[in-house]
Amino acid sequence: MADLSIAVRQVGDVAVLLPAGFINAHTVREFEEGLERLVEDGRYTILINCKDLSYISSAGLGAIMGLIETVREHGGDILLSNLQENVFAIFDTLGFTQLYRVFSDEEQALAAAAPERKG
């Protein structure tokens, strides 16, 4: 089995990226390319669902940081959900939980990403 697999699906205006396995020095390029493809396609609201992510290195966090400015300049955002305890600890230790909105599950993140409805 590969160290990393990435699935992508669209839910409304949100591109949901599902990395599974390990994001480390050997796999970070694949993760980075997956994110870059979404941005190149004009998909600026990205939810990274980490339910099957066992580990992310600082290089993986760098890949996310490298795109956040572009995404936000286009009115989008990068959201995180379903972080396993060890993955959450990495994000939290490096301050990512202050920079990104983190949700316990995908449904909460999708609801938060939905455009505000004018009443």
PDB file of N, CA and C in Angstrom:
ATOM      1  N   MET A   1       0.833  -1.189   0.000  1.00  0.00           N
ATOM      2  CA  MET A   1       0.000   0.000   0.000  1.00  0.00           C
ATOM      3  C   MET A   1       0.871   1.242   0.000  1.00  0.00           C
ATOM      4  N   ALA A   2       0.429   2.264  -0.694  1.00  0.00           N
ATOM      5  CA  ALA A   2       1.165   3.529  -0.754  1.00  0.00           C
ATOM      6  C   ALA A   2       1.122   4.201   0.615  1.00  0.00           C
ATOM      7  N   ASP A   3       2.116   5.053   0.863  1.00  0.00           N
ATOM      8  CA  ASP A   3       2.161   5.786   2.122  1.00  0.00           C
ATOM      9  C   ASP A   3       1.064   6.834   2.194  1.00  0.00           C
ATOM     10  N   LEU A   4       0.605   7.310   1.019  1.00  0.00           N
ATOM     11  CA  LEU A   4      -0.412   8.356   0.989  1.00  0.00           C
ATOM     12  C   LEU A   4      -1.313   8.152  -0.208  1.00  0.00           C
ATOM     13  N   SER A   5      -2.606   8.289   0.028  1.00  0.00           N
ATOM     14  CA  SER A   5      -3.557   8.363  -1.078  1.00  0.00           C
ATOM     15  C   SER A   5      -4.428   9.580  -0.814  1.00  0.00           C
ATOM     16  N   ILE A   6      -4.889  10.188  -1.900  1.00  0.00           N
ATOM     17  CA  ILE A   6      -5.693  11.398  -1.765  1.00  0.00           C
ATOM     18  C   ILE A   6      -6.938  11.259  -2.621  1.00  0.00           C
ATOM     19  N   ALA A   7      -8.076  11.436  -1.986  1.00  0.00           N
ATOM     20  CA  ALA A   7      -9.343  11.467  -2.711  1.00  0.00           C
ATOM     21  C   ALA A   7      -9.873  12.889  -2.638  1.00  0.00           C
ATOM     22  N   VAL A   8     -10.581  13.298  -3.678  1.00  0.00           N
ATOM     23  CA  VAL A   8     -11.190  14.628  -3.705  1.00  0.00           C
ATOM     24  C   VAL A   8     -12.626  14.475  -4.168  1.00  0.00           C
ATOM     25  N   ARG A   9     -13.520  15.179  -3.488  1.00  0.00           N
ATOM     26  CA  ARG A   9     -14.906  15.225  -3.952  1.00  0.00           C
ATOM     27  C   ARG A   9     -15.432  16.632  -3.716  1.00  0.00           C
ATOM     28  N   GLN A  10     -16.453  16.977  -4.455  1.00  0.00           N
ATOM     29  CA  GLN A  10     -17.048  18.305  -4.371  1.00  0.00           C
ATOM     30  C   GLN A  10     -18.358  18.209  -3.603  1.00  0.00           C
ATOM     31  N   VAL A  11     -18.548  19.077  -2.616  1.00  0.00           N
ATOM     32  CA  VAL A  11     -19.801  19.159  -1.876  1.00  0.00           C
ATOM     33  C   VAL A  11     -20.243  20.616  -1.952  1.00  0.00           C
ATOM     34  N   GLY A  12     -21.168  20.903  -2.848  1.00  0.00           N
ATOM     35  CA  GLY A  12     -21.572  22.285  -3.070  1.00  0.00           C
ATOM     36  C   GLY A  12     -20.391  23.095  -3.572  1.00  0.00           C
ATOM     37  N   ASP A  13     -20.074  24.171  -2.868  1.00  0.00           N
ATOM     38  CA  ASP A  13     -18.955  25.024  -3.263  1.00  0.00           C
ATOM     39  C   ASP A  13     -17.641  24.609  -2.612  1.00  0.00           C
ATOM     40  N   VAL A  14     -17.652  23.524  -1.862  1.00  0.00           N
ATOM     41  CA  VAL A  14     -16.476  23.116  -1.093  1.00  0.00           C
ATOM     42  C   VAL A  14     -15.809  21.898  -1.730  1.00  0.00           C
ATOM     43  N   ALA A  15     -14.500  22.020  -1.952  1.00  0.00           N
ATOM     44  CA  ALA A  15     -13.710  20.865  -2.391  1.00  0.00           C
ATOM     45  C   ALA A  15     -13.230  20.145  -1.135  1.00  0.00           C
ATOM     46  N   VAL A  16     -13.610  18.886  -1.009  1.00  0.00           N
ATOM     47  CA  VAL A  16     -13.212  18.096   0.160  1.00  0.00           C
ATOM     48  C   VAL A  16     -12.033  17.211  -0.244  1.00  0.00           C
ATOM     49  N   LEU A  17     -10.904  17.432   0.423  1.00  0.00           N
ATOM     50  CA  LEU A  17      -9.685  16.661   0.172  1.00  0.00           C
ATOM     51  C   LEU A  17      -9.544  15.656   1.304  1.00  0.00           C
ATOM     52  N   LEU A  18      -9.394  14.385   0.960  1.00  0.00           N
ATOM     53  CA  LEU A  18      -9.284  13.333   1.973  1.00  0.00           C
ATOM     54  C   LEU A  18      -7.941  12.619   1.853  1.00  0.00           C
ATOM     55  N   PRO A  19      -6.918  13.125   2.546  1.00  0.00           N
ATOM     56  CA  PRO A  19      -5.644  12.417   2.534  1.00  0.00           C
ATOM     57  C   PRO A  19      -5.719  11.209   3.473  1.00  0.00           C
ATOM     58  N   ALA A  20      -5.153  10.094   3.047  1.00  0.00           N
ATOM     59  CA  ALA A  20      -5.136   8.892   3.884  1.00  0.00           C
ATOM     60  C   ALA A  20      -3.706   8.374   3.970  1.00  0.00           C
ATOM     61  N   GLY A  21      -3.253   8.154   5.184  1.00  0.00           N
ATOM     62  CA  GLY A  21      -1.899   7.640   5.382  1.00  0.00           C
ATOM     63  C   GLY A  21      -1.008   8.675   6.041  1.00  0.00           C
ATOM     64  N   PHE A  22       0.171   8.860   5.467  1.00  0.00           N
ATOM     65  CA  PHE A  22       1.196   9.698   6.071  1.00  0.00           C
ATOM     66  C   PHE A  22       1.627  10.802   5.113  1.00  0.00           C
ATOM     67  N   ILE A  23       1.673  12.038   5.601  1.00  0.00           N
ATOM     68  CA  ILE A  23       2.256  13.134   4.826  1.00  0.00           C
ATOM     69  C   ILE A  23       3.605  13.423   5.465  1.00  0.00           C
ATOM     70  N   ASN A  24       4.662  13.042   4.731  1.00  0.00           N
ATOM     71  CA  ASN A  24       6.021  13.219   5.234  1.00  0.00           C
ATOM     72  C   ASN A  24       6.915  13.663   4.076  1.00  0.00           C
ATOM     73  N   ALA A  25       8.205  13.627   4.278  1.00  0.00           N
ATOM     74  CA  ALA A  25       9.137  14.083   3.243  1.00  0.00           C
ATOM     75  C   ALA A  25       8.966  13.311   1.936  1.00  0.00           C
ATOM     76  N   HIS A  26       8.549  12.060   2.019  1.00  0.00           N
ATOM     77  CA  HIS A  26       8.402  11.230   0.813  1.00  0.00           C
ATOM     78  C   HIS A  26       7.091  11.470   0.080  1.00  0.00           C
ATOM     79  N   THR A  27       6.073  11.935   0.783  1.00  0.00           N
ATOM     80  CA  THR A  27       4.747  12.056   0.177  1.00  0.00           C
ATOM     81  C   THR A  27       4.239  13.490   0.085  1.00  0.00           C
ATOM     82  N   VAL A  28       4.964  14.442   0.648  1.00  0.00           N
ATOM     83  CA  VAL A  28       4.458  15.807   0.714  1.00  0.00           C
ATOM     84  C   VAL A  28       4.202  16.400  -0.669  1.00  0.00           C
ATOM     85  N   ARG A  29       5.013  16.031  -1.645  1.00  0.00           N
ATOM     86  CA  ARG A  29       4.834  16.592  -2.989  1.00  0.00           C
ATOM     87  C   ARG A  29       3.474  16.193  -3.566  1.00  0.00           C
ATOM     88  N   GLU A  30       3.074  14.965  -3.352  1.00  0.00           N
ATOM     89  CA  GLU A  30       1.766  14.490  -3.831  1.00  0.00           C
ATOM     90  C   GLU A  30       0.631  15.280  -3.168  1.00  0.00           C
ATOM     91  N   PHE A  31       0.748  15.519  -1.867  1.00  0.00           N
ATOM     92  CA  PHE A  31      -0.237  16.303  -1.120  1.00  0.00           C
ATOM     93  C   PHE A  31      -0.286  17.739  -1.645  1.00  0.00           C
ATOM     94  N   GLU A  32       0.899  18.317  -1.821  1.00  0.00           N
ATOM     95  CA  GLU A  32       1.002  19.686  -2.327  1.00  0.00           C
ATOM     96  C   GLU A  32       0.374  19.815  -3.714  1.00  0.00           C
ATOM     97  N   GLU A  33       0.645  18.852  -4.579  1.00  0.00           N
ATOM     98  CA  GLU A  33       0.083  18.871  -5.935  1.00  0.00           C
ATOM     99  C   GLU A  33      -1.444  18.758  -5.898  1.00  0.00           C
ATOM    100  N   GLY A  34      -1.966  17.951  -4.980  1.00  0.00           N
ATOM    101  CA  GLY A  34      -3.419  17.824  -4.845  1.00  0.00           C
ATOM    102  C   GLY A  34      -4.056  19.157  -4.475  1.00  0.00           C
ATOM    103  N   LEU A  35      -3.445  19.862  -3.527  1.00  0.00           N
ATOM    104  CA  LEU A  35      -3.946  21.183  -3.136  1.00  0.00           C
ATOM    105  C   LEU A  35      -3.808  22.180  -4.284  1.00  0.00           C
ATOM    106  N   GLU A  36      -2.656  22.174  -4.945  1.00  0.00           N
ATOM    107  CA  GLU A  36      -2.416  23.129  -6.036  1.00  0.00           C
ATOM    108  C   GLU A  36      -3.390  22.927  -7.183  1.00  0.00           C
ATOM    109  N   ARG A  37      -3.729  21.673  -7.487  1.00  0.00           N
ATOM    110  CA  ARG A  37      -4.696  21.392  -8.566  1.00  0.00           C
ATOM    111  C   ARG A  37      -6.055  22.009  -8.252  1.00  0.00           C
ATOM    112  N   LEU A  38      -6.468  21.928  -6.997  1.00  0.00           N
ATOM    113  CA  LEU A  38      -7.754  22.518  -6.615  1.00  0.00           C
ATOM    114  C   LEU A  38      -7.736  24.022  -6.844  1.00  0.00           C
ATOM    115  N   VAL A  39      -6.667  24.676  -6.419  1.00  0.00           N
ATOM    116  CA  VAL A  39      -6.558  26.128  -6.569  1.00  0.00           C
ATOM    117  C   VAL A  39      -6.490  26.504  -8.050  1.00  0.00           C
ATOM    118  N   GLU A  40      -5.730  25.745  -8.837  1.00  0.00           N
ATOM    119  CA  GLU A  40      -5.641  26.006 -10.282  1.00  0.00           C
ATOM    120  C   GLU A  40      -7.006  25.869 -10.951  1.00  0.00           C
ATOM    121  N   ASP A  41      -7.839  24.987 -10.420  1.00  0.00           N
ATOM    122  CA  ASP A  41      -9.193  24.791 -10.961  1.00  0.00           C
ATOM    123  C   ASP A  41     -10.181  25.827 -10.435  1.00  0.00           C
ATOM    124  N   GLY A  42      -9.697  26.776  -9.641  1.00  0.00           N
ATOM    125  CA  GLY A  42     -10.573  27.811  -9.112  1.00  0.00           C
ATOM    126  C   GLY A  42     -11.416  27.362  -7.933  1.00  0.00           C
ATOM    127  N   ARG A  43     -10.988  26.309  -7.268  1.00  0.00           N
ATOM    128  CA  ARG A  43     -11.719  25.807  -6.095  1.00  0.00           C
ATOM    129  C   ARG A  43     -10.994  26.343  -4.854  1.00  0.00           C
ATOM    130  N   TYR A  44     -11.550  27.434  -4.303  1.00  0.00           N
ATOM    131  CA  TYR A  44     -10.842  28.164  -3.258  1.00  0.00           C
ATOM    132  C   TYR A  44     -11.341  27.877  -1.842  1.00  0.00           C
ATOM    133  N   THR A  45     -12.452  27.168  -1.724  1.00  0.00           N
ATOM    134  CA  THR A  45     -12.888  26.745  -0.400  1.00  0.00           C
ATOM    135  C   THR A  45     -12.591  25.260  -0.299  1.00  0.00           C
ATOM    136  N   ILE A  46     -11.604  24.943   0.542  1.00  0.00           N
ATOM    137  CA  ILE A  46     -11.085  23.582   0.620  1.00  0.00           C
ATOM    138  C   ILE A  46     -11.213  23.080   2.053  1.00  0.00           C
ATOM    139  N   LEU A  47     -11.828  21.920   2.198  1.00  0.00           N
ATOM    140  CA  LEU A  47     -11.908  21.243   3.487  1.00  0.00           C
ATOM    141  C   LEU A  47     -10.968  20.048   3.429  1.00  0.00           C
ATOM    142  N   ILE A  48     -10.003  20.032   4.324  1.00  0.00           N
ATOM    143  CA  ILE A  48      -9.115  18.877   4.432  1.00  0.00           C
ATOM    144  C   ILE A  48      -9.671  18.008   5.555  1.00  0.00           C
ATOM    145  N   ASN A  49     -10.281  16.897   5.155  1.00  0.00           N
ATOM    146  CA  ASN A  49     -10.848  15.955   6.120  1.00  0.00           C
ATOM    147  C   ASN A  49      -9.739  14.963   6.478  1.00  0.00           C
ATOM    148  N   CYS A  50      -9.293  15.009   7.719  1.00  0.00           N
ATOM    149  CA  CYS A  50      -8.114  14.247   8.151  1.00  0.00           C
ATOM    150  C   CYS A  50      -8.464  12.937   8.846  1.00  0.00           C
ATOM    151  N   LYS A  51      -9.679  12.431   8.631  1.00  0.00           N
ATOM    152  CA  LYS A  51     -10.103  11.229   9.366  1.00  0.00           C
ATOM    153  C   LYS A  51      -9.192  10.030   9.113  1.00  0.00           C
ATOM    154  N   ASP A  52      -8.592   9.938   7.931  1.00  0.00           N
ATOM    155  CA  ASP A  52      -7.715   8.802   7.622  1.00  0.00           C
ATOM    156  C   ASP A  52      -6.242   9.207   7.566  1.00  0.00           C
ATOM    157  N   LEU A  53      -5.939  10.399   8.066  1.00  0.00           N
ATOM    158  CA  LEU A  53      -4.556  10.884   8.082  1.00  0.00           C
ATOM    159  C   LEU A  53      -3.903  10.464   9.390  1.00  0.00           C
ATOM    160  N   SER A  54      -2.853   9.654   9.289  1.00  0.00           N
ATOM    161  CA  SER A  54      -2.176   9.144  10.479  1.00  0.00           C
ATOM    162  C   SER A  54      -1.066  10.059  10.972  1.00  0.00           C
ATOM    163  N   TYR A  55      -0.499  10.856  10.052  1.00  0.00           N
ATOM    164  CA  TYR A  55       0.641  11.701  10.422  1.00  0.00           C
ATOM    165  C   TYR A  55       0.809  12.804   9.385  1.00  0.00           C
ATOM    166  N   ILE A  56       1.201  13.983   9.849  1.00  0.00           N
ATOM    167  CA  ILE A  56       1.570  15.064   8.936  1.00  0.00           C
ATOM    168  C   ILE A  56       2.834  15.715   9.478  1.00  0.00           C
ATOM    169  N   SER A  57       3.817  15.882   8.612  1.00  0.00           N
ATOM    170  CA  SER A  57       5.080  16.512   9.004  1.00  0.00           C
ATOM    171  C   SER A  57       4.986  18.019   8.820  1.00  0.00           C
ATOM    172  N   SER A  58       6.019  18.716   9.266  1.00  0.00           N
ATOM    173  CA  SER A  58       6.047  20.169   9.086  1.00  0.00           C
ATOM    174  C   SER A  58       6.039  20.523   7.598  1.00  0.00           C
ATOM    175  N   ALA A  59       6.569  19.658   6.749  1.00  0.00           N
ATOM    176  CA  ALA A  59       6.526  19.907   5.301  1.00  0.00           C
ATOM    177  C   ALA A  59       5.079  19.909   4.806  1.00  0.00           C
ATOM    178  N   GLY A  60       4.260  19.024   5.337  1.00  0.00           N
ATOM    179  CA  GLY A  60       2.849  18.990   4.980  1.00  0.00           C
ATOM    180  C   GLY A  60       2.135  20.253   5.425  1.00  0.00           C
ATOM    181  N   LEU A  61       2.465  20.720   6.622  1.00  0.00           N
ATOM    182  CA  LEU A  61       1.883  21.971   7.111  1.00  0.00           C
ATOM    183  C   LEU A  61       2.330  23.136   6.234  1.00  0.00           C
ATOM    184  N   GLY A  62       3.567  23.076   5.773  1.00  0.00           N
ATOM    185  CA  GLY A  62       4.088  24.108   4.872  1.00  0.00           C
ATOM    186  C   GLY A  62       3.325  24.154   3.558  1.00  0.00           C
ATOM    187  N   ALA A  63       2.909  22.994   3.076  1.00  0.00           N
ATOM    188  CA  ALA A  63       2.127  22.938   1.829  1.00  0.00           C
ATOM    189  C   ALA A  63       0.800  23.673   2.006  1.00  0.00           C
ATOM    190  N   ILE A  64       0.186  23.523   3.165  1.00  0.00           N
ATOM    191  CA  ILE A  64      -1.063  24.214   3.447  1.00  0.00           C
ATOM    192  C   ILE A  64      -0.805  25.720   3.568  1.00  0.00           C
ATOM    193  N   MET A  65       0.234  26.073   4.304  1.00  0.00           N
ATOM    194  CA  MET A  65       0.586  27.490   4.491  1.00  0.00           C
ATOM    195  C   MET A  65       0.884  28.170   3.159  1.00  0.00           C
ATOM    196  N   GLY A  66       1.493  27.423   2.239  1.00  0.00           N
ATOM    197  CA  GLY A  66       1.877  27.988   0.955  1.00  0.00           C
ATOM    198  C   GLY A  66       0.701  28.437   0.106  1.00  0.00           C
ATOM    199  N   LEU A  67      -0.490  27.912   0.394  1.00  0.00           N
ATOM    200  CA  LEU A  67      -1.657  28.238  -0.430  1.00  0.00           C
ATOM    201  C   LEU A  67      -2.702  29.098   0.272  1.00  0.00           C
ATOM    202  N   ILE A  68      -2.606  29.252   1.581  1.00  0.00           N
ATOM    203  CA  ILE A  68      -3.673  29.926   2.312  1.00  0.00           C
ATOM    204  C   ILE A  68      -3.877  31.367   1.852  1.00  0.00           C
ATOM    205  N   GLU A  69      -2.799  32.065   1.558  1.00  0.00           N
ATOM    206  CA  GLU A  69      -2.932  33.459   1.134  1.00  0.00           C
ATOM    207  C   GLU A  69      -3.691  33.556  -0.192  1.00  0.00           C
ATOM    208  N   THR A  70      -3.315  32.725  -1.161  1.00  0.00           N
ATOM    209  CA  THR A  70      -3.978  32.720  -2.468  1.00  0.00           C
ATOM    210  C   THR A  70      -5.456  32.398  -2.309  1.00  0.00           C
ATOM    211  N   VAL A  71      -5.756  31.386  -1.526  1.00  0.00           N
ATOM    212  CA  VAL A  71      -7.135  30.951  -1.311  1.00  0.00           C
ATOM    213  C   VAL A  71      -7.958  32.086  -0.692  1.00  0.00           C
ATOM    214  N   ARG A  72      -7.415  32.724   0.330  1.00  0.00           N
ATOM    215  CA  ARG A  72      -8.162  33.791   1.016  1.00  0.00           C
ATOM    216  C   ARG A  72      -8.289  35.037   0.151  1.00  0.00           C
ATOM    217  N   GLU A  73      -7.302  35.312  -0.698  1.00  0.00           N
ATOM    218  CA  GLU A  73      -7.401  36.448  -1.621  1.00  0.00           C
ATOM    219  C   GLU A  73      -8.565  36.273  -2.591  1.00  0.00           C
ATOM    220  N   HIS A  74      -8.940  35.029  -2.856  1.00  0.00           N
ATOM    221  CA  HIS A  74     -10.042  34.727  -3.768  1.00  0.00           C
ATOM    222  C   HIS A  74     -11.346  34.463  -3.011  1.00  0.00           C
ATOM    223  N   GLY A  75     -11.404  34.869  -1.757  1.00  0.00           N
ATOM    224  CA  GLY A  75     -12.635  34.731  -0.979  1.00  0.00           C
ATOM    225  C   GLY A  75     -12.886  33.345  -0.422  1.00  0.00           C
ATOM    226  N   GLY A  76     -11.892  32.490  -0.481  1.00  0.00           N
ATOM    227  CA  GLY A  76     -12.050  31.136   0.031  1.00  0.00           C
ATOM    228  C   GLY A  76     -11.365  30.939   1.362  1.00  0.00           C
ATOM    229  N   ASP A  77     -11.202  29.695   1.748  1.00  0.00           N
ATOM    230  CA  ASP A  77     -10.545  29.361   3.003  1.00  0.00           C
ATOM    231  C   ASP A  77     -10.143  27.892   2.964  1.00  0.00           C
ATOM    232  N   ILE A  78      -9.264  27.526   3.868  1.00  0.00           N
ATOM    233  CA  ILE A  78      -8.911  26.124   4.065  1.00  0.00           C
ATOM    234  C   ILE A  78      -9.394  25.751   5.458  1.00  0.00           C
ATOM    235  N   LEU A  79     -10.254  24.754   5.503  1.00  0.00           N
ATOM    236  CA  LEU A  79     -10.826  24.273   6.761  1.00  0.00           C
ATOM    237  C   LEU A  79     -10.261  22.888   7.049  1.00  0.00           C
ATOM    238  N   LEU A  80     -10.253  22.510   8.308  1.00  0.00           N
ATOM    239  CA  LEU A  80      -9.746  21.205   8.719  1.00  0.00           C
ATOM    240  C   LEU A  80     -10.810  20.492   9.539  1.00  0.00           C
ATOM    241  N   SER A  81     -10.940  19.189   9.321  1.00  0.00           N
ATOM    242  CA  SER A  81     -11.889  18.432  10.140  1.00  0.00           C
ATOM    243  C   SER A  81     -11.348  17.046  10.443  1.00  0.00           C
ATOM    244  N   ASN A  82     -11.966  16.427  11.444  1.00  0.00           N
ATOM    245  CA  ASN A  82     -11.712  15.030  11.797  1.00  0.00           C
ATOM    246  C   ASN A  82     -10.238  14.752  12.104  1.00  0.00           C
ATOM    247  N   LEU A  83      -9.578  15.671  12.800  1.00  0.00           N
ATOM    248  CA  LEU A  83      -8.168  15.449  13.123  1.00  0.00           C
ATOM    249  C   LEU A  83      -8.048  14.397  14.224  1.00  0.00           C
ATOM    250  N   GLN A  84      -7.248  13.364  13.954  1.00  0.00           N
ATOM    251  CA  GLN A  84      -6.948  12.386  14.988  1.00  0.00           C
ATOM    252  C   GLN A  84      -6.101  13.083  16.055  1.00  0.00           C
ATOM    253  N   GLU A  85      -6.096  12.523  17.238  1.00  0.00           N
ATOM    254  CA  GLU A  85      -5.441  13.175  18.373  1.00  0.00           C
ATOM    255  C   GLU A  85      -3.985  13.548  18.093  1.00  0.00           C
ATOM    256  N   ASN A  86      -3.226  12.626  17.518  1.00  0.00           N
ATOM    257  CA  ASN A  86      -1.809  12.922  17.265  1.00  0.00           C
ATOM    258  C   ASN A  86      -1.630  13.977  16.173  1.00  0.00           C
ATOM    259  N   VAL A  87      -2.505  13.977  15.176  1.00  0.00           N
ATOM    260  CA  VAL A  87      -2.431  14.976  14.107  1.00  0.00           C
ATOM    261  C   VAL A  87      -2.851  16.337  14.652  1.00  0.00           C
ATOM    262  N   PHE A  88      -3.899  16.365  15.474  1.00  0.00           N
ATOM    263  CA  PHE A  88      -4.324  17.607  16.103  1.00  0.00           C
ATOM    264  C   PHE A  88      -3.186  18.197  16.930  1.00  0.00           C
ATOM    265  N   ALA A  89      -2.474  17.346  17.657  1.00  0.00           N
ATOM    266  CA  ALA A  89      -1.370  17.814  18.509  1.00  0.00           C
ATOM    267  C   ALA A  89      -0.293  18.514  17.675  1.00  0.00           C
ATOM    268  N   ILE A  90      -0.016  17.993  16.485  1.00  0.00           N
ATOM    269  CA  ILE A  90       0.980  18.622  15.602  1.00  0.00           C
ATOM    270  C   ILE A  90       0.476  19.992  15.156  1.00  0.00           C
ATOM    271  N   PHE A  91      -0.769  20.060  14.693  1.00  0.00           N
ATOM    272  CA  PHE A  91      -1.355  21.339  14.270  1.00  0.00           C
ATOM    273  C   PHE A  91      -1.362  22.338  15.421  1.00  0.00           C
ATOM    274  N   ASP A  92      -1.764  21.873  16.606  1.00  0.00           N
ATOM    275  CA  ASP A  92      -1.901  22.751  17.762  1.00  0.00           C
ATOM    276  C   ASP A  92      -0.538  23.263  18.233  1.00  0.00           C
ATOM    277  N   THR A  93       0.436  22.382  18.317  1.00  0.00           N
ATOM    278  CA  THR A  93       1.777  22.764  18.771  1.00  0.00           C
ATOM    279  C   THR A  93       2.374  23.847  17.884  1.00  0.00           C
ATOM    280  N   LEU A  94       2.121  23.769  16.597  1.00  0.00           N
ATOM    281  CA  LEU A  94       2.697  24.737  15.656  1.00  0.00           C
ATOM    282  C   LEU A  94       1.777  25.943  15.414  1.00  0.00           C
ATOM    283  N   GLY A  95       0.702  26.042  16.181  1.00  0.00           N
ATOM    284  CA  GLY A  95      -0.159  27.215  16.111  1.00  0.00           C
ATOM    285  C   GLY A  95      -1.186  27.209  14.995  1.00  0.00           C
ATOM    286  N   PHE A  96      -1.319  26.101  14.297  1.00  0.00           N
ATOM    287  CA  PHE A  96      -2.249  26.041  13.167  1.00  0.00           C
ATOM    288  C   PHE A  96      -3.700  26.129  13.610  1.00  0.00           C
ATOM    289  N   THR A  97      -3.980  25.728  14.850  1.00  0.00           N
ATOM    290  CA  THR A  97      -5.365  25.798  15.311  1.00  0.00           C
ATOM    291  C   THR A  97      -5.787  27.248  15.540  1.00  0.00           C
ATOM    292  N   GLN A  98      -4.834  28.182  15.583  1.00  0.00           N
ATOM    293  CA  GLN A  98      -5.156  29.604  15.671  1.00  0.00           C
ATOM    294  C   GLN A  98      -5.328  30.213  14.273  1.00  0.00           C
ATOM    295  N   LEU A  99      -4.696  29.611  13.278  1.00  0.00           N
ATOM    296  CA  LEU A  99      -4.714  30.148  11.913  1.00  0.00           C
ATOM    297  C   LEU A  99      -5.848  29.590  11.057  1.00  0.00           C
ATOM    298  N   TYR A 100      -6.306  28.415  11.389  1.00  0.00           N
ATOM    299  CA  TYR A 100      -7.308  27.716  10.583  1.00  0.00           C
ATOM    300  C   TYR A 100      -8.485  27.324  11.452  1.00  0.00           C
ATOM    301  N   ARG A 101      -9.662  27.247  10.824  1.00  0.00           N
ATOM    302  CA  ARG A 101     -10.830  26.766  11.547  1.00  0.00           C
ATOM    303  C   ARG A 101     -10.801  25.238  11.526  1.00  0.00           C
ATOM    304  N   VAL A 102     -10.892  24.656  12.725  1.00  0.00           N
ATOM    305  CA  VAL A 102     -10.820  23.207  12.898  1.00  0.00           C
ATOM    306  C   VAL A 102     -12.163  22.729  13.441  1.00  0.00           C
ATOM    307  N   PHE A 103     -12.708  21.694  12.805  1.00  0.00           N
ATOM    308  CA  PHE A 103     -14.016  21.161  13.180  1.00  0.00           C
ATOM    309  C   PHE A 103     -13.895  19.689  13.549  1.00  0.00           C
ATOM    310  N   SER A 104     -14.776  19.252  14.446  1.00  0.00           N
ATOM    311  CA  SER A 104     -14.712  17.855  14.876  1.00  0.00           C
ATOM    312  C   SER A 104     -15.168  16.901  13.781  1.00  0.00           C
ATOM    313  N   ASP A 105     -16.059  17.369  12.892  1.00  0.00           N
ATOM    314  CA  ASP A 105     -16.477  16.486  11.799  1.00  0.00           C
ATOM    315  C   ASP A 105     -16.755  17.287  10.524  1.00  0.00           C
ATOM    316  N   GLU A 106     -16.867  16.564   9.432  1.00  0.00           N
ATOM    317  CA  GLU A 106     -17.034  17.178   8.115  1.00  0.00           C
ATOM    318  C   GLU A 106     -18.332  17.977   8.010  1.00  0.00           C
ATOM    319  N   GLU A 107     -19.410  17.477   8.615  1.00  0.00           N
ATOM    320  CA  GLU A 107     -20.696  18.162   8.518  1.00  0.00           C
ATOM    321  C   GLU A 107     -20.619  19.564   9.124  1.00  0.00           C
ATOM    322  N   GLN A 108     -19.973  19.688  10.276  1.00  0.00           N
ATOM    323  CA  GLN A 108     -19.818  21.003  10.910  1.00  0.00           C
ATOM    324  C   GLN A 108     -19.002  21.938  10.016  1.00  0.00           C
ATOM    325  N   ALA A 109     -17.945  21.418   9.440  1.00  0.00           N
ATOM    326  CA  ALA A 109     -17.092  22.244   8.575  1.00  0.00           C
ATOM    327  C   ALA A 109     -17.851  22.696   7.335  1.00  0.00           C
ATOM    328  N   LEU A 110     -18.613  21.796   6.730  1.00  0.00           N
ATOM    329  CA  LEU A 110     -19.390  22.164   5.537  1.00  0.00           C
ATOM    330  C   LEU A 110     -20.443  23.212   5.879  1.00  0.00           C
ATOM    331  N   ALA A 111     -21.074  23.082   7.046  1.00  0.00           N
ATOM    332  CA  ALA A 111     -22.076  24.066   7.460  1.00  0.00           C
ATOM    333  C   ALA A 111     -21.421  25.429   7.662  1.00  0.00           C
ATOM    334  N   ALA A 112     -20.229  25.451   8.232  1.00  0.00           N
ATOM    335  CA  ALA A 112     -19.514  26.708   8.470  1.00  0.00           C
ATOM    336  C   ALA A 112     -19.045  27.332   7.161  1.00  0.00           C
ATOM    337  N   ALA A 113     -18.770  26.502   6.172  1.00  0.00           N
ATOM    338  CA  ALA A 113     -18.259  26.994   4.883  1.00  0.00           C
ATOM    339  C   ALA A 113     -19.381  27.478   3.971  1.00  0.00           C
ATOM    340  N   ALA A 114     -20.607  27.066   4.265  1.00  0.00           N
ATOM    341  CA  ALA A 114     -21.738  27.444   3.415  1.00  0.00           C
ATOM    342  C   ALA A 114     -21.897  28.949   3.412  1.00  0.00           C
ATOM    343  N   PRO A 115     -22.162  29.529   2.237  1.00  0.00           N
ATOM    344  CA  PRO A 115     -22.361  30.982   2.178  1.00  0.00           C
ATOM    345  C   PRO A 115     -23.546  31.393   3.045  1.00  0.00           C
ATOM    346  N   GLU A 116     -23.413  32.547   3.660  1.00  0.00           N
ATOM    347  CA  GLU A 116     -24.506  33.055   4.493  1.00  0.00           C
ATOM    348  C   GLU A 116     -25.735  33.269   3.615  1.00  0.00           C
ATOM    349  N   ARG A 117     -26.869  32.835   4.095  1.00  0.00           N
ATOM    350  CA  ARG A 117     -28.127  33.023   3.365  1.00  0.00           C
ATOM    351  C   ARG A 117     -28.735  34.362   3.767  1.00  0.00           C
ATOM    352  N   LYS A 118     -29.085  35.142   2.770  1.00  0.00           N
ATOM    353  CA  LYS A 118     -29.735  36.436   3.048  1.00  0.00           C
ATOM    354  C   LYS A 118     -31.218  36.181   3.287  1.00  0.00           C
ATOM    355  N   GLY A 119     -31.755  36.713   4.388  1.00  0.00           N
ATOM    356  CA  GLY A 119     -33.143  36.433   4.727  1.00  0.00           C
ATOM    357  C   GLY A 119     -34.068  37.486   4.437  1.00  0.00           C
TER     358      GLY A 119
END
